[in-house]
Amino acid sequence: MSVLLTLQHVSKRYPTKDGFVEALTDINLTIMEGEVLALLGINGAGKTTLSSILATLHPATSGTILYRDSSIYQELHRYKKALGFCPQKPNLDPALNVQENLVFAGRYYLMPEQEIQARVCEIMATFNLTRYAQFSIDALSGGYKQRLLIARALMHRPRLIILDEPTVGLDPDVRRQIWDIIKQLRAQGVTVILTTHYLDEAEVLADRVCMLSKGQILFIDNAANLKQSYKKENLEEVFLHLLKEEAA
């Protein structure tokens, strides 16, 4: 695997009336091409802040983020063309139907019109959305809205996709369908950054897990090594053990 993203001393501060809150502190992280990296941590740990910075929704206060050895801020257009982002809260356009949401995404990324039409057909088939092409967004179930969100993020064939809590509130069978989609993305060489509260999800899907606490990285490793190091049966037990250590 080659290096896709490198984070060097990335920090994020939010101003408050009493000064500032340090949401991320001195994050150093290397993300490899074609891997699934899970970001773990309790609420307020910094997961969403980090994924938002990588998605260019918010700038870092300090530090450097390199995409293939070039700063994302110096080559923002190039980076954004390689990036797909699936937010935690659905932001599909309710004025457009399923197919139109995908067409709009293609036009947003300046794809040629003929390529857009072919890609829409392809990606609707991949995500089992073809029969729902003319459905309004409000007519879709939660699971199919999530499928559409991921499909939209993949319209322009990005090399990196950020999935922020993609299975929250979904039924178990729909969660597993989303898992299958993530496995397919990895098989296609797409890098996936997965923010999740579900430890079983991270254990099954992730090549590596990165646990954040109070805006800092506690560890980065694969699930098998972590279970062996802490002598635990699963990743959830490792997570709970570390939380107890921090609280002590």
C-alpha atoms as a PDB file:
ATOM      1  CA  MET A   1       0.000   0.000   0.000  1.00  0.00           C
ATOM      2  CA  SER A   2       1.125   3.552  -0.709  1.00  0.00           C
ATOM      3  CA  VAL A   3       0.453   6.537   1.532  1.00  0.00           C
ATOM      4  CA  LEU A   4      -2.667   8.496   0.586  1.00  0.00           C
ATOM      5  CA  LEU A   5      -2.976  11.030   3.434  1.00  0.00           C
ATOM      6  CA  THR A   6      -0.514  12.275   6.017  1.00  0.00           C
ATOM      7  CA  LEU A   7      -1.582  14.381   8.989  1.00  0.00           C
ATOM      8  CA  GLN A   8       1.215  16.253  10.732  1.00  0.00           C
ATOM      9  CA  HIS A   9       0.626  18.020  14.066  1.00  0.00           C
ATOM     10  CA  VAL A  10      -3.010  18.816  13.253  1.00  0.00           C
ATOM     11  CA  SER A  11      -4.877  20.733  15.955  1.00  0.00           C
ATOM     12  CA  LYS A  12      -8.291  22.369  16.073  1.00  0.00           C
ATOM     13  CA  ARG A  13      -9.458  25.052  18.485  1.00  0.00           C
ATOM     14  CA  TYR A  14     -12.951  26.497  18.771  1.00  0.00           C
ATOM     15  CA  PRO A  15     -13.336  29.949  20.343  1.00  0.00           C
ATOM     16  CA  THR A  16     -15.547  30.369  23.415  1.00  0.00           C
ATOM     17  CA  LYS A  17     -16.421  33.369  25.548  1.00  0.00           C
ATOM     18  CA  ASP A  18     -13.819  32.195  28.064  1.00  0.00           C
ATOM     19  CA  GLY A  19     -11.050  31.522  25.541  1.00  0.00           C
ATOM     20  CA  PHE A  20     -11.086  28.381  23.427  1.00  0.00           C
ATOM     21  CA  VAL A  21     -11.786  24.656  23.452  1.00  0.00           C
ATOM     22  CA  GLU A  22      -9.115  22.291  22.115  1.00  0.00           C
ATOM     23  CA  ALA A  23     -11.076  19.779  19.998  1.00  0.00           C
ATOM     24  CA  LEU A  24      -7.969  18.123  18.492  1.00  0.00           C
ATOM     25  CA  THR A  25      -4.410  18.273  19.788  1.00  0.00           C
ATOM     26  CA  ASP A  26      -1.300  17.448  17.746  1.00  0.00           C
ATOM     27  CA  ILE A  27      -2.756  14.672  15.592  1.00  0.00           C
ATOM     28  CA  ASN A  28      -0.167  12.704  13.616  1.00  0.00           C
ATOM     29  CA  LEU A  29      -1.599  10.017  11.357  1.00  0.00           C
ATOM     30  CA  THR A  30      -0.799   8.245   8.107  1.00  0.00           C
ATOM     31  CA  ILE A  31      -3.649   6.782   6.044  1.00  0.00           C
ATOM     32  CA  MET A  32      -2.833   4.191   3.422  1.00  0.00           C
ATOM     33  CA  GLU A  33      -4.375   3.807  -0.005  1.00  0.00           C
ATOM     34  CA  GLY A  34      -7.072   1.127  -0.110  1.00  0.00           C
ATOM     35  CA  GLU A  35      -7.459   0.671   3.645  1.00  0.00           C
ATOM     36  CA  VAL A  36     -10.490   1.029   5.895  1.00  0.00           C
ATOM     37  CA  LEU A  37      -9.566   3.160   8.902  1.00  0.00           C
ATOM     38  CA  ALA A  38     -12.112   3.353  11.730  1.00  0.00           C
ATOM     39  CA  LEU A  39     -12.201   6.408  13.987  1.00  0.00           C
ATOM     40  CA  LEU A  40     -13.426   5.437  17.459  1.00  0.00           C
ATOM     41  CA  GLY A  41     -14.176   7.322  20.645  1.00  0.00           C
ATOM     42  CA  ILE A  42     -16.949   8.489  22.919  1.00  0.00           C
ATOM     43  CA  ASN A  43     -18.983  11.608  22.105  1.00  0.00           C
ATOM     44  CA  GLY A  44     -16.713  14.643  22.154  1.00  0.00           C
ATOM     45  CA  ALA A  45     -13.561  12.614  21.524  1.00  0.00           C
ATOM     46  CA  GLY A  46     -12.832  14.456  18.282  1.00  0.00           C
ATOM     47  CA  LYS A  47     -13.987  11.925  15.662  1.00  0.00           C
ATOM     48  CA  THR A  48     -16.409  14.189  13.837  1.00  0.00           C
ATOM     49  CA  THR A  49     -14.055  17.162  14.102  1.00  0.00           C
ATOM     50  CA  LEU A  50     -11.266  15.139  12.482  1.00  0.00           C
ATOM     51  CA  SER A  51     -13.484  13.756   9.715  1.00  0.00           C
ATOM     52  CA  SER A  52     -14.864  17.261   9.063  1.00  0.00           C
ATOM     53  CA  ILE A  53     -11.337  18.639   8.670  1.00  0.00           C
ATOM     54  CA  LEU A  54     -10.442  15.830   6.267  1.00  0.00           C
ATOM     55  CA  ALA A  55     -13.654  16.558   4.358  1.00  0.00           C
ATOM     56  CA  THR A  56     -12.580  20.253   4.143  1.00  0.00           C
ATOM     57  CA  LEU A  57     -15.747  21.360   5.940  1.00  0.00           C
ATOM     58  CA  HIS A  58     -13.617  23.095   8.576  1.00  0.00           C
ATOM     59  CA  PRO A  59      -9.962  24.122   8.390  1.00  0.00           C
ATOM     60  CA  ALA A  60      -7.433  22.925  10.940  1.00  0.00           C
ATOM     61  CA  THR A  61      -6.222  25.613  13.340  1.00  0.00           C
ATOM     62  CA  SER A  62      -2.663  24.408  12.849  1.00  0.00           C
ATOM     63  CA  GLY A  63      -0.753  21.550  11.270  1.00  0.00           C
ATOM     64  CA  THR A  64      -0.431  20.077   7.803  1.00  0.00           C
ATOM     65  CA  ILE A  65      -2.494  17.580   5.809  1.00  0.00           C
ATOM     66  CA  LEU A  66      -0.819  16.062   2.773  1.00  0.00           C
ATOM     67  CA  TYR A  67      -2.593  14.261  -0.054  1.00  0.00           C
ATOM     68  CA  ARG A  68       0.013  12.275  -1.993  1.00  0.00           C
ATOM     69  CA  ASP A  69       2.763  14.541  -0.608  1.00  0.00           C
ATOM     70  CA  SER A  70       1.013  17.840  -1.455  1.00  0.00           C
ATOM     71  CA  SER A  71      -0.887  20.057   0.981  1.00  0.00           C
ATOM     72  CA  ILE A  72      -4.628  19.706   0.510  1.00  0.00           C
ATOM     73  CA  TYR A  73      -4.966  23.473   0.975  1.00  0.00           C
ATOM     74  CA  GLN A  74      -2.494  24.242  -1.805  1.00  0.00           C
ATOM     75  CA  GLU A  75      -4.229  21.845  -4.214  1.00  0.00           C
ATOM     76  CA  LEU A  76      -7.771  21.975  -2.881  1.00  0.00           C
ATOM     77  CA  HIS A  77      -9.472  21.370  -6.240  1.00  0.00           C
ATOM     78  CA  ARG A  78      -7.375  18.243  -6.894  1.00  0.00           C
ATOM     79  CA  TYR A  79      -8.044  16.921  -3.405  1.00  0.00           C
ATOM     80  CA  LYS A  80     -11.796  17.536  -3.533  1.00  0.00           C
ATOM     81  CA  LYS A  81     -12.062  15.706  -6.851  1.00  0.00           C
ATOM     82  CA  ALA A  82     -10.524  12.669  -5.124  1.00  0.00           C
ATOM     83  CA  LEU A  83     -12.803  12.971  -2.072  1.00  0.00           C
ATOM     84  CA  GLY A  84     -16.273  11.658  -1.342  1.00  0.00           C
ATOM     85  CA  PHE A  85     -18.109  12.580   1.864  1.00  0.00           C
ATOM     86  CA  CYS A  86     -21.158  10.928   3.392  1.00  0.00           C
ATOM     87  CA  PRO A  87     -22.391  13.040   6.341  1.00  0.00           C
ATOM     88  CA  GLN A  88     -23.929  11.703   9.518  1.00  0.00           C
ATOM     89  CA  LYS A  89     -27.198  13.561   8.931  1.00  0.00           C
ATOM     90  CA  PRO A  90     -28.851  13.089   5.504  1.00  0.00           C
ATOM     91  CA  ASN A  91     -28.648  16.240   3.377  1.00  0.00           C
ATOM     92  CA  LEU A  92     -30.285  14.980   0.198  1.00  0.00           C
ATOM     93  CA  ASP A  93     -32.216  17.566  -1.807  1.00  0.00           C
ATOM     94  CA  PRO A  94     -35.934  16.895  -1.193  1.00  0.00           C
ATOM     95  CA  ALA A  95     -36.866  18.898  -4.315  1.00  0.00           C
ATOM     96  CA  LEU A  96     -35.119  16.263  -6.465  1.00  0.00           C
ATOM     97  CA  ASN A  97     -35.902  12.584  -6.877  1.00  0.00           C
ATOM     98  CA  VAL A  98     -33.342   9.806  -6.413  1.00  0.00           C
ATOM     99  CA  GLN A  99     -31.986   9.929  -9.951  1.00  0.00           C
ATOM    100  CA  GLU A 100     -31.884  13.726 -10.011  1.00  0.00           C
ATOM    101  CA  ASN A 101     -29.859  13.837  -6.769  1.00  0.00           C
ATOM    102  CA  LEU A 102     -27.234  11.659  -8.436  1.00  0.00           C
ATOM    103  CA  VAL A 103     -27.265  13.671 -11.666  1.00  0.00           C
ATOM    104  CA  PHE A 104     -26.800  16.883  -9.674  1.00  0.00           C
ATOM    105  CA  ALA A 105     -23.797  15.366  -7.875  1.00  0.00           C
ATOM    106  CA  GLY A 106     -22.210  14.495 -11.216  1.00  0.00           C
ATOM    107  CA  ARG A 107     -22.720  18.014 -12.513  1.00  0.00           C
ATOM    108  CA  TYR A 108     -21.311  19.445  -9.301  1.00  0.00           C
ATOM    109  CA  TYR A 109     -18.068  17.607 -10.079  1.00  0.00           C
ATOM    110  CA  LEU A 110     -18.195  18.780 -13.723  1.00  0.00           C
ATOM    111  CA  MET A 111     -18.498  15.280 -15.132  1.00  0.00           C
ATOM    112  CA  PRO A 112     -19.409  15.159 -18.857  1.00  0.00           C
ATOM    113  CA  GLU A 113     -23.167  14.726 -19.340  1.00  0.00           C
ATOM    114  CA  GLN A 114     -22.864  11.415 -21.174  1.00  0.00           C
ATOM    115  CA  GLU A 115     -20.624  10.062 -18.420  1.00  0.00           C
ATOM    116  CA  ILE A 116     -23.099  11.249 -15.790  1.00  0.00           C
ATOM    117  CA  GLN A 117     -25.979   9.310 -17.349  1.00  0.00           C
ATOM    118  CA  ALA A 118     -23.907   6.133 -17.629  1.00  0.00           C
ATOM    119  CA  ARG A 119     -22.589   6.498 -14.074  1.00  0.00           C
ATOM    120  CA  VAL A 120     -26.080   7.094 -12.656  1.00  0.00           C
ATOM    121  CA  CYS A 121     -27.341   3.865 -14.208  1.00  0.00           C
ATOM    122  CA  GLU A 122     -24.277   1.986 -12.987  1.00  0.00           C
ATOM    123  CA  ILE A 123     -24.354   3.255  -9.430  1.00  0.00           C
ATOM    124  CA  MET A 124     -28.131   2.847  -9.029  1.00  0.00           C
ATOM    125  CA  ALA A 125     -27.719  -0.790 -10.063  1.00  0.00           C
ATOM    126  CA  THR A 126     -24.832  -1.252  -7.633  1.00  0.00           C
ATOM    127  CA  PHE A 127     -26.837   0.127  -4.713  1.00  0.00           C
ATOM    128  CA  ASN A 128     -30.160  -1.482  -5.727  1.00  0.00           C
ATOM    129  CA  LEU A 129     -31.710   1.927  -6.334  1.00  0.00           C
ATOM    130  CA  THR A 130     -32.873   1.469  -9.930  1.00  0.00           C
ATOM    131  CA  ARG A 131     -36.505   0.735  -9.061  1.00  0.00           C
ATOM    132  CA  TYR A 132     -36.530   3.852  -6.856  1.00  0.00           C
ATOM    133  CA  ALA A 133     -35.067   6.201  -9.499  1.00  0.00           C
ATOM    134  CA  GLN A 134     -38.194   8.395  -9.684  1.00  0.00           C
ATOM    135  CA  PHE A 135     -39.020   8.220  -5.959  1.00  0.00           C
ATOM    136  CA  SER A 136     -39.002  11.388  -3.896  1.00  0.00           C
ATOM    137  CA  ILE A 137     -36.516  11.474  -1.039  1.00  0.00           C
ATOM    138  CA  ASP A 138     -39.297  11.490   1.548  1.00  0.00           C
ATOM    139  CA  ALA A 139     -40.639   8.214   0.124  1.00  0.00           C
ATOM    140  CA  LEU A 140     -37.396   6.347   0.897  1.00  0.00           C
ATOM    141  CA  SER A 141     -36.761   4.311   4.043  1.00  0.00           C
ATOM    142  CA  GLY A 142     -33.823   5.215   6.268  1.00  0.00           C
ATOM    143  CA  GLY A 143     -31.767   2.389   4.802  1.00  0.00           C
ATOM    144  CA  TYR A 144     -32.322   3.496   1.216  1.00  0.00           C
ATOM    145  CA  LYS A 145     -31.592   7.118   2.079  1.00  0.00           C
ATOM    146  CA  GLN A 146     -28.265   5.915   3.450  1.00  0.00           C
ATOM    147  CA  ARG A 147     -27.603   3.925   0.274  1.00  0.00           C
ATOM    148  CA  LEU A 148     -28.324   7.036  -1.771  1.00  0.00           C
ATOM    149  CA  LEU A 149     -26.023   9.177   0.390  1.00  0.00           C
ATOM    150  CA  ILE A 150     -23.137   6.758  -0.185  1.00  0.00           C
ATOM    151  CA  ALA A 151     -23.988   6.423  -3.894  1.00  0.00           C
ATOM    152  CA  ARG A 152     -23.989  10.211  -4.266  1.00  0.00           C
ATOM    153  CA  ALA A 153     -20.585  10.431  -2.555  1.00  0.00           C
ATOM    154  CA  LEU A 154     -19.233   7.896  -5.064  1.00  0.00           C
ATOM    155  CA  MET A 155     -20.667   9.432  -8.236  1.00  0.00           C
ATOM    156  CA  HIS A 156     -17.355  10.970  -9.328  1.00  0.00           C
ATOM    157  CA  ARG A 157     -15.319   7.833  -8.466  1.00  0.00           C
ATOM    158  CA  PRO A 158     -13.313   9.267  -5.553  1.00  0.00           C
ATOM    159  CA  ARG A 159     -10.203   7.541  -4.223  1.00  0.00           C
ATOM    160  CA  LEU A 160     -11.107   8.479  -0.634  1.00  0.00           C
ATOM    161  CA  ILE A 161     -14.534   8.376   0.992  1.00  0.00           C
ATOM    162  CA  ILE A 162     -15.373   9.563   4.500  1.00  0.00           C
ATOM    163  CA  LEU A 163     -18.370   7.853   6.109  1.00  0.00           C
ATOM    164  CA  ASP A 164     -19.521   9.635   9.262  1.00  0.00           C
ATOM    165  CA  GLU A 165     -21.644   7.230  11.343  1.00  0.00           C
ATOM    166  CA  PRO A 166     -23.172   5.594   8.220  1.00  0.00           C
ATOM    167  CA  THR A 167     -25.212   2.945  10.077  1.00  0.00           C
ATOM    168  CA  VAL A 168     -26.633   4.880  13.031  1.00  0.00           C
ATOM    169  CA  GLY A 169     -30.294   4.062  13.591  1.00  0.00           C
ATOM    170  CA  LEU A 170     -30.475   1.409  10.885  1.00  0.00           C
ATOM    171  CA  ASP A 171     -31.973  -2.055  11.328  1.00  0.00           C
ATOM    172  CA  PRO A 172     -29.420  -4.887  11.741  1.00  0.00           C
ATOM    173  CA  ASP A 173     -30.058  -6.295   8.264  1.00  0.00           C
ATOM    174  CA  VAL A 174     -29.594  -2.862   6.664  1.00  0.00           C
ATOM    175  CA  ARG A 175     -26.406  -2.328   8.702  1.00  0.00           C
ATOM    176  CA  ARG A 176     -25.010  -5.549   7.240  1.00  0.00           C
ATOM    177  CA  GLN A 177     -25.891  -4.384   3.735  1.00  0.00           C
ATOM    178  CA  ILE A 178     -23.929  -1.181   4.341  1.00  0.00           C
ATOM    179  CA  TRP A 179     -21.053  -3.336   5.642  1.00  0.00           C
ATOM    180  CA  ASP A 180     -21.068  -5.240   2.350  1.00  0.00           C
ATOM    181  CA  ILE A 181     -20.859  -1.952   0.444  1.00  0.00           C
ATOM    182  CA  ILE A 182     -17.833  -0.868   2.502  1.00  0.00           C
ATOM    183  CA  LYS A 183     -16.142  -4.224   1.841  1.00  0.00           C
ATOM    184  CA  GLN A 184     -16.760  -3.758  -1.888  1.00  0.00           C
ATOM    185  CA  LEU A 185     -15.188  -0.302  -1.771  1.00  0.00           C
ATOM    186  CA  ARG A 186     -12.063  -1.690  -0.127  1.00  0.00           C
ATOM    187  CA  ALA A 187     -11.902  -4.456  -2.735  1.00  0.00           C
ATOM    188  CA  GLN A 188     -11.967  -1.732  -5.409  1.00  0.00           C
ATOM    189  CA  GLY A 189      -9.004   0.027  -3.788  1.00  0.00           C
ATOM    190  CA  VAL A 190     -11.011   2.936  -2.364  1.00  0.00           C
ATOM    191  CA  THR A 191      -9.748   4.296   0.953  1.00  0.00           C
ATOM    192  CA  VAL A 192     -12.525   4.483   3.550  1.00  0.00           C
ATOM    193  CA  ILE A 193     -12.435   6.562   6.730  1.00  0.00           C
ATOM    194  CA  LEU A 194     -15.220   5.214   8.909  1.00  0.00           C
ATOM    195  CA  THR A 195     -16.438   7.115  11.961  1.00  0.00           C
ATOM    196  CA  THR A 196     -18.486   4.792  14.143  1.00  0.00           C
ATOM    197  CA  HIS A 197     -19.749   4.115  17.659  1.00  0.00           C
ATOM    198  CA  TYR A 198     -20.246   0.432  16.859  1.00  0.00           C
ATOM    199  CA  LEU A 199     -17.210  -1.543  17.997  1.00  0.00           C
ATOM    200  CA  ASP A 200     -18.350  -4.720  16.211  1.00  0.00           C
ATOM    201  CA  GLU A 201     -18.540  -2.694  13.003  1.00  0.00           C
ATOM    202  CA  ALA A 202     -14.967  -1.473  13.390  1.00  0.00           C
ATOM    203  CA  GLU A 203     -13.735  -4.964  14.266  1.00  0.00           C
ATOM    204  CA  VAL A 204     -15.299  -6.536  11.166  1.00  0.00           C
ATOM    205  CA  LEU A 205     -14.559  -3.807   8.632  1.00  0.00           C
ATOM    206  CA  ALA A 206     -11.429  -1.901   9.593  1.00  0.00           C
ATOM    207  CA  ASP A 207      -7.859  -2.718   8.641  1.00  0.00           C
ATOM    208  CA  ARG A 208      -6.823  -0.394  11.466  1.00  0.00           C
ATOM    209  CA  VAL A 209      -8.639   1.407  14.244  1.00  0.00           C
ATOM    210  CA  CYS A 210      -7.722   4.824  15.604  1.00  0.00           C
ATOM    211  CA  MET A 211      -9.099   5.588  19.047  1.00  0.00           C
ATOM    212  CA  LEU A 212      -9.454   9.226  20.019  1.00  0.00           C
ATOM    213  CA  SER A 213      -9.947  10.601  23.516  1.00  0.00           C
ATOM    214  CA  LYS A 214     -10.186  14.259  24.454  1.00  0.00           C
ATOM    215  CA  GLY A 215      -8.904  15.250  21.046  1.00  0.00           C
ATOM    216  CA  GLN A 216      -5.814  13.063  21.141  1.00  0.00           C
ATOM    217  CA  ILE A 217      -4.927   9.689  19.633  1.00  0.00           C
ATOM    218  CA  LEU A 218      -4.761   6.900  22.216  1.00  0.00           C
ATOM    219  CA  PHE A 219      -3.723   4.207  19.759  1.00  0.00           C
ATOM    220  CA  ILE A 220      -3.666   3.162  16.107  1.00  0.00           C
ATOM    221  CA  ASP A 221      -3.535  -0.577  15.410  1.00  0.00           C
ATOM    222  CA  ASN A 222      -5.497  -3.476  13.980  1.00  0.00           C
ATOM    223  CA  ALA A 223      -8.136  -5.240  16.058  1.00  0.00           C
ATOM    224  CA  ALA A 224      -6.236  -8.528  16.307  1.00  0.00           C
ATOM    225  CA  ASN A 225      -3.152  -6.868  17.811  1.00  0.00           C
ATOM    226  CA  LEU A 226      -5.238  -4.878  20.259  1.00  0.00           C
ATOM    227  CA  LYS A 227      -7.143  -7.918  21.475  1.00  0.00           C
ATOM    228  CA  GLN A 228      -3.887  -9.796  21.941  1.00  0.00           C
ATOM    229  CA  SER A 229      -2.128  -6.893  23.685  1.00  0.00           C
ATOM    230  CA  TYR A 230      -4.947  -6.333  26.179  1.00  0.00           C
ATOM    231  CA  LYS A 231      -5.950 -10.016  26.398  1.00  0.00           C
ATOM    232  CA  LYS A 232      -9.565  -9.303  25.487  1.00  0.00           C
ATOM    233  CA  GLU A 233     -12.088 -11.282  23.448  1.00  0.00           C
ATOM    234  CA  ASN A 234     -13.251  -8.423  21.272  1.00  0.00           C
ATOM    235  CA  LEU A 235     -12.649  -4.775  20.451  1.00  0.00           C
ATOM    236  CA  GLU A 236     -15.503  -3.590  22.657  1.00  0.00           C
ATOM    237  CA  GLU A 237     -13.788  -5.077  25.719  1.00  0.00           C
ATOM    238  CA  VAL A 238     -10.544  -3.327  24.737  1.00  0.00           C
ATOM    239  CA  PHE A 239     -12.426  -0.044  24.369  1.00  0.00           C
ATOM    240  CA  LEU A 240     -14.116  -0.353  27.772  1.00  0.00           C
ATOM    241  CA  HIS A 241     -10.828  -1.336  29.414  1.00  0.00           C
ATOM    242  CA  LEU A 242      -9.111   1.772  28.068  1.00  0.00           C
ATOM    243  CA  LEU A 243     -11.975   4.009  29.169  1.00  0.00           C
ATOM    244  CA  LYS A 244     -11.647   2.640  32.712  1.00  0.00           C
ATOM    245  CA  GLU A 245      -7.884   3.238  32.628  1.00  0.00           C
ATOM    246  CA  GLU A 246      -8.452   6.840  31.572  1.00  0.00           C
ATOM    247  CA  ALA A 247     -11.031   7.424  34.281  1.00  0.00           C
ATOM    248  CA  ALA A 248      -8.794   5.958  37.015  1.00  0.00           C
END
